Protein backbone atom coordinates (compact mmCIF):
# COMPACT_ATOMS: atom_id res chain seq x y z
CA GLU A 1 -20.36 4.34 63.07
CA PHE A 2 -16.96 3.23 62.17
CA LYS A 3 -15.32 6.53 63.01
CA ALA A 4 -17.16 6.50 66.28
CA GLN A 5 -16.00 2.77 66.84
CA LEU A 6 -12.36 3.98 66.05
CA SER A 7 -12.47 6.89 68.38
CA ALA A 8 -13.63 4.97 71.33
CA ALA A 9 -10.88 2.28 70.85
CA ARG A 10 -8.16 5.03 70.95
CA GLU A 11 -9.26 6.39 74.15
CA VAL A 12 -9.34 3.39 76.33
CA SER A 13 -6.08 2.79 78.66
CA ILE A 14 -3.49 0.20 77.87
CA ASP A 15 -4.59 -2.08 80.29
CA HIS A 16 -8.36 -2.06 79.21
CA PHE A 17 -7.16 -2.22 75.39
CA ALA A 18 -5.14 -5.35 76.50
CA HIS A 19 -7.91 -6.87 78.22
CA LEU A 20 -10.39 -6.54 75.58
CA LEU A 21 -8.16 -8.09 72.96
CA SER A 22 -7.33 -10.86 75.45
CA VAL A 23 -11.27 -11.76 75.71
CA ILE A 24 -11.67 -11.31 71.89
CA ALA A 25 -8.62 -14.13 71.45
CA GLU A 26 -10.29 -16.28 73.93
CA GLY A 27 -13.43 -16.31 71.79
CA ILE A 28 -11.74 -16.82 68.74
CA GLU A 29 -9.87 -19.79 70.29
CA ASP A 30 -13.00 -21.39 71.60
CA PRO A 31 -14.46 -24.03 68.93
CA ARG A 32 -17.64 -23.87 70.71
CA LEU A 33 -18.26 -20.26 69.70
CA PRO A 34 -20.95 -20.14 66.88
CA VAL A 35 -19.26 -19.16 63.41
CA GLY A 36 -21.35 -15.74 63.28
CA TRP A 37 -20.06 -14.87 66.74
CA CYS A 38 -16.19 -15.69 65.45
CA LYS A 39 -16.58 -13.86 62.24
CA SER A 40 -17.92 -10.69 64.52
CA SER A 41 -14.86 -11.28 66.87
CA ILE A 42 -12.50 -11.15 63.87
CA HIS A 43 -14.32 -7.97 62.36
CA LEU A 44 -14.17 -6.13 65.90
CA SER A 45 -10.31 -7.27 65.72
CA ALA A 46 -9.72 -5.61 62.32
CA VAL A 47 -11.64 -2.20 63.75
CA LEU A 48 -9.37 -2.23 66.95
CA LEU A 49 -6.29 -2.76 65.20
CA HIS A 50 -7.17 -0.14 62.71
CA ASP A 51 -5.82 2.82 64.85
CA THR A 52 -4.68 1.39 68.28
CA PRO A 53 -3.99 3.50 71.37
CA GLN A 54 -0.15 4.95 71.85
CA GLY A 55 1.93 2.68 73.57
CA THR A 56 0.12 -0.60 72.54
CA LEU A 57 2.62 -2.13 70.28
CA LYS A 58 3.54 -5.11 72.22
CA VAL A 59 -0.01 -5.68 73.12
CA VAL A 60 -0.86 -5.62 69.37
CA GLN A 61 2.03 -7.92 68.56
CA THR A 62 0.87 -10.55 71.86
CA PHE A 63 -2.61 -10.41 70.35
CA VAL A 64 -1.70 -10.95 66.63
CA MET A 65 0.55 -13.78 67.58
CA ARG A 66 -1.91 -15.62 69.84
CA CYS A 67 -4.62 -15.29 66.95
CA LEU A 68 -2.42 -16.70 64.06
CA ALA A 69 -1.60 -19.58 66.66
CA ALA A 70 -5.32 -20.05 66.82
CA PHE A 71 -5.89 -19.80 63.17
CA THR A 72 -2.86 -22.16 62.38
CA GLY A 73 -3.36 -24.87 65.41
CA ARG A 74 -7.22 -25.01 65.86
CA PRO A 75 -8.99 -27.17 63.50
CA HIS A 76 -12.40 -25.43 63.57
CA LEU A 77 -10.46 -22.39 62.12
CA TYR A 78 -8.24 -23.31 59.72
CA ASP A 79 -10.40 -26.45 58.30
CA GLY A 80 -13.40 -24.43 59.01
CA PRO A 81 -16.23 -22.71 56.87
CA SER A 82 -14.77 -20.63 54.03
CA GLU A 83 -16.59 -17.51 55.01
CA LEU A 84 -14.49 -17.71 58.48
CA LYS A 85 -11.20 -18.12 56.43
CA GLU A 86 -12.33 -15.04 54.40
CA HIS A 87 -12.58 -13.16 57.59
CA TYR A 88 -9.38 -14.12 59.18
CA LEU A 89 -7.32 -14.04 56.01
CA GLU A 90 -8.64 -10.12 55.25
CA LEU A 91 -7.40 -9.25 58.94
CA ILE A 92 -4.09 -10.95 58.52
CA ALA A 93 -3.25 -9.24 54.75
CA LYS A 94 -4.87 -5.82 56.20
CA HIS A 95 -2.54 -5.94 59.61
CA CYS A 96 0.45 -6.81 57.43
CA SER A 97 0.26 -4.40 55.06
CA ASP A 98 -1.04 -1.37 57.20
CA ARG A 99 1.33 -2.10 59.93
CA PRO A 100 4.51 -3.90 58.55
CA ALA A 101 6.80 -2.74 61.46
CA ALA A 102 4.24 -4.46 64.07
CA VAL A 103 4.68 -7.75 62.37
CA ARG A 104 7.18 -10.10 63.93
CA SER A 105 9.46 -12.79 62.00
CA VAL A 106 7.58 -15.40 63.98
CA ASP A 107 4.68 -14.11 62.85
CA LEU A 108 5.63 -14.53 59.24
CA GLY A 109 6.15 -18.60 59.62
CA SER A 110 2.62 -18.63 61.06
CA ILE A 111 1.13 -17.07 58.31
CA TRP A 112 2.90 -19.36 55.47
CA SER A 113 1.92 -22.45 57.65
CA LEU A 114 -1.69 -21.22 57.84
CA LEU A 115 -1.74 -20.78 53.80
CA SER A 116 -0.26 -24.17 53.41
CA LYS A 117 -2.89 -25.99 55.27
CA ILE A 118 -5.51 -23.79 53.50
CA LEU A 119 -3.99 -24.72 50.12
CA SER A 120 -3.78 -28.76 50.90
CA GLY A 121 -5.80 -31.21 48.82
CA THR A 122 -8.41 -32.91 50.60
CA ALA A 123 -11.22 -35.64 49.70
CA ASN A 124 -13.80 -33.38 51.03
CA HIS A 125 -14.90 -30.34 49.25
CA ASP A 126 -17.46 -27.41 49.66
CA THR A 127 -20.57 -27.47 47.41
CA ALA A 128 -19.55 -24.17 46.11
CA THR A 129 -16.03 -22.43 45.41
CA SER A 130 -15.10 -19.71 47.54
CA PHE A 131 -13.48 -17.56 45.23
CA ALA A 132 -13.13 -14.95 47.81
CA THR A 133 -10.69 -17.35 49.55
CA PHE A 134 -8.39 -17.27 46.55
CA HIS A 135 -8.24 -13.34 46.17
CA CYS A 136 -7.57 -13.21 50.25
CA ILE A 137 -4.75 -15.79 49.72
CA ILE A 138 -3.27 -13.58 47.12
CA SER A 139 -3.74 -10.48 49.29
CA VAL A 140 -1.75 -12.19 52.26
CA ALA A 141 0.69 -13.29 49.90
CA ASP A 142 1.40 -9.82 48.29
CA SER A 143 1.50 -8.39 52.13
CA VAL A 144 4.48 -10.48 53.12
CA ILE A 145 5.88 -11.01 49.52
CA HIS A 146 9.28 -10.34 50.58
CA THR A 147 9.82 -13.38 52.45
CA LEU A 148 11.36 -16.21 50.49
CA PRO A 149 11.37 -19.32 49.85
CA HIS A 150 7.78 -19.78 51.54
CA LEU A 151 6.31 -17.50 48.88
CA ALA A 152 7.63 -19.82 46.21
CA PHE A 153 5.87 -22.75 47.61
CA VAL A 154 2.71 -20.86 47.92
CA LEU A 155 2.66 -19.71 44.29
CA HIS A 156 3.45 -23.42 43.45
CA ARG A 157 0.24 -24.45 45.18
CA LEU A 158 -1.80 -21.38 44.03
CA LEU A 159 -0.94 -22.35 40.28
CA LEU A 160 -2.01 -26.03 40.75
CA ILE A 161 -5.42 -25.52 42.09
CA THR A 162 -6.24 -23.45 38.95
CA LYS A 163 -6.07 -26.13 36.70
CA ARG A 164 -9.53 -28.14 35.98
CA GLY A 165 -10.46 -31.52 35.19
CA ARG A 166 -10.89 -32.49 31.76
CA PRO A 167 -14.50 -32.97 30.22
CA GLN A 168 -16.04 -36.82 30.86
CA LEU A 169 -13.78 -37.98 33.02
CA GLY A 170 -14.72 -41.22 34.66
CA ALA A 171 -15.76 -41.43 38.86
CA LYS A 172 -12.03 -42.58 39.71
CA GLN A 173 -10.24 -39.93 37.41
CA SER A 174 -12.61 -37.27 39.04
CA LYS A 175 -11.65 -38.33 42.48
CA LEU A 176 -8.00 -38.16 41.52
CA VAL A 177 -8.36 -34.65 40.32
CA ALA A 178 -10.72 -33.63 43.16
CA GLY A 179 -8.13 -35.15 45.91
CA THR A 180 -5.37 -32.45 44.60
CA LEU A 181 -7.91 -29.40 45.43
CA PRO A 182 -8.14 -27.67 48.75
CA SER A 183 -11.79 -28.05 50.73
CA TRP A 184 -13.18 -24.65 49.41
CA VAL A 185 -12.59 -25.38 45.92
CA CYS A 186 -15.63 -27.28 44.48
CA PRO A 187 -14.29 -29.59 41.50
CA SER A 188 -17.46 -28.87 39.52
CA GLN A 189 -16.71 -25.18 40.03
CA PRO A 190 -13.44 -24.51 39.30
CA LEU A 191 -11.52 -21.35 39.63
CA GLY A 192 -11.58 -19.14 36.56
CA VAL A 193 -10.02 -16.05 34.67
CA ALA A 194 -10.45 -13.68 37.69
CA GLU A 195 -8.20 -15.74 39.79
CA ILE A 196 -5.57 -16.61 37.28
CA ARG A 197 -5.25 -12.79 36.42
CA ALA A 198 -5.11 -11.97 40.20
CA PHE A 199 -2.30 -14.59 40.45
CA SER A 200 -0.34 -13.34 37.32
CA ARG A 201 -0.61 -9.77 39.00
CA LEU A 202 1.24 -11.03 42.05
CA LEU A 203 3.88 -12.57 39.78
CA THR A 204 4.44 -9.62 37.98
CA ALA A 205 4.96 -7.55 41.47
CA LEU A 206 8.24 -9.58 41.89
CA THR A 207 9.69 -7.23 39.47
CA VAL A 208 8.36 -3.81 40.79
CA LYS A 209 10.98 -2.01 42.87
CA THR A 210 9.57 -1.40 46.39
CA VAL A 211 11.30 -0.90 49.92
CA PRO A 212 11.36 -4.15 51.84
CA PRO A 213 9.78 -4.06 55.13
CA THR A 214 11.90 -4.90 57.95
CA TYR A 215 10.35 -7.19 60.28
CA THR A 216 10.63 -7.15 64.30
CA THR A 217 12.53 -10.24 65.68
CA GLN A 218 12.49 -11.09 69.43
CA ARG A 219 15.39 -8.99 70.31
CA HIS A 220 15.49 -6.20 67.57
CA THR A 221 12.94 -3.74 66.47
CA SER A 222 12.40 -3.16 62.89
CA VAL A 223 14.26 -0.12 61.13
CA ALA A 224 12.60 2.65 59.51
CA ALA A 225 11.60 2.24 56.13
CA GLU A 226 13.06 5.55 55.02
CA THR A 227 16.58 4.15 55.55
CA GLN A 228 16.14 1.34 53.17
CA LYS A 229 16.67 1.26 49.18
CA ALA A 230 13.75 0.56 46.67
CA GLU A 231 14.47 -2.85 44.84
CA SER A 232 12.71 -5.49 43.22
CA LEU A 233 12.66 -9.18 44.24
CA ALA A 234 13.77 -10.45 40.72
CA LYS A 235 17.30 -11.37 41.94
CA PRO A 236 16.58 -13.17 45.31
CA PHE A 237 13.64 -14.84 43.84
CA ALA A 238 15.56 -16.22 40.69
CA LYS A 239 16.58 -19.37 42.40
CA HIS A 240 13.04 -20.26 43.38
CA VAL A 241 11.61 -19.24 39.84
CA GLY A 242 11.88 -22.79 38.48
CA HIS A 243 9.84 -24.39 41.31
CA VAL A 244 7.05 -22.00 40.27
CA LEU A 245 7.32 -22.73 36.32
CA LEU A 246 7.21 -26.64 37.30
CA ALA A 247 3.93 -26.03 38.26
CA TYR A 248 2.91 -24.73 35.27
CA ILE A 249 4.59 -27.34 33.24
CA ASP A 250 2.71 -29.95 35.63
CA CYS A 251 -0.71 -28.23 34.71
CA MET A 252 0.16 -28.33 31.04
CA ASN A 253 1.36 -32.21 31.11
CA ASP A 254 -1.46 -33.57 33.59
CA PRO A 255 -3.50 -35.83 31.12
CA LEU A 256 -6.54 -35.38 33.55
CA CYS A 257 -6.50 -31.64 33.79
CA VAL A 258 -6.51 -28.35 31.65
CA LEU A 259 -5.87 -25.01 31.83
CA THR A 260 -8.36 -23.11 29.21
CA PRO A 261 -6.80 -20.79 26.72
CA ASP A 262 -8.19 -17.61 28.11
CA MET A 263 -6.62 -18.74 31.45
CA ARG A 264 -3.08 -19.39 29.91
CA ARG A 265 -3.20 -15.91 28.08
CA GLU A 266 -4.14 -14.42 31.77
CA LEU A 267 -1.08 -16.19 32.82
CA GLU A 268 1.25 -14.88 30.08
CA PRO A 269 2.46 -11.69 31.72
CA GLY A 270 3.57 -13.47 34.99
CA LEU A 271 5.08 -16.25 33.33
CA PHE A 272 7.32 -13.63 31.05
CA SER A 273 8.18 -12.14 34.21
CA LEU A 274 9.53 -15.23 36.06
CA CYS A 275 11.25 -16.10 32.89
CA GLU A 276 13.04 -12.96 32.82
CA MET A 277 14.57 -13.83 36.21
CA LEU A 278 15.85 -16.92 34.91
CA GLY A 279 19.34 -17.17 33.59
CA GLU A 280 19.74 -18.38 30.06
CA TYR A 281 21.22 -21.70 30.99
CA ASN A 282 18.28 -22.26 33.56
CA ARG A 283 15.60 -20.92 31.03
CA ASP A 284 17.07 -23.67 28.10
CA ALA A 285 16.70 -26.30 30.59
CA LEU A 286 13.05 -25.33 31.48
CA MET A 287 12.11 -24.84 28.00
CA VAL A 288 13.23 -28.31 27.20
CA SER A 289 11.64 -29.89 30.01
CA SER A 290 8.31 -28.21 29.13
CA LEU A 291 8.27 -29.42 25.39
CA ASP A 292 4.92 -30.53 24.17
CA SER A 293 4.08 -33.63 22.19
CA GLY A 294 4.83 -31.45 19.01
CA GLY A 295 8.28 -30.58 20.28
CA ASN A 296 7.46 -26.75 21.19
CA PRO A 297 8.23 -25.27 24.47
CA ARG A 298 4.97 -24.45 26.56
CA ILE A 299 6.90 -21.68 28.49
CA CYS A 300 9.57 -18.95 27.89
CA GLY A 301 9.27 -19.49 24.36
């Protein structure tokens, strides 16, 4: 059935394809559209964008820009049900990883803005944590990992929301902790080892040599990947490492919260990758700032 859908999508004319995407975008933008229908519209978008007809690059770019504007600017989407977030985050991650040449610089700003909104703390939370949303955010960040310094901010927030409240906190203290968490993280059902492992893998990916994608600007098209040299993000990201490590220090020094031993163990490979990016002077300064009550460094030691 999926192959049949793809075959049908490839055979439509450019005008019909553009009209179809426009109708889908209108549905996604409409806050009156039931959540189930909105999810179906996003799924259909993924099907259509998987293998588009020839000559539709600008049509696709216009549709993606319109969807990102809706996801970022419409409360029923960025502040909507977690299952809806999962659907459109999967769509974004797949589009950026499968077709980087179709991603424009302006799209990247919208993507990071959206992730910032989804990661923002709030007083209202779902009754159950959406672990899938965390992993979808990791996938999106990984698909646009070469865009700095926005990545550092998102990594900082991702790490902060993995901490959990200490046992037997009072009502006021529990409320303070809950206020730092996004709506899709239930304070009584904190993120766990699987999430911190995925986060740590994303940190280690910064040291892996890859060919960076060149995104399309308003005036220039992207350059073929074959002409570029494989390189890691270790050097350009070094200036932002401290911001991420400070989130870990904040987690460890927070009197109301804790990272479990299992979570700290899973995080070690990622932390070591970050510490390797730092120069000796910056590493020593961070080690001093991270000393625990016994005078032992919490990181890079």
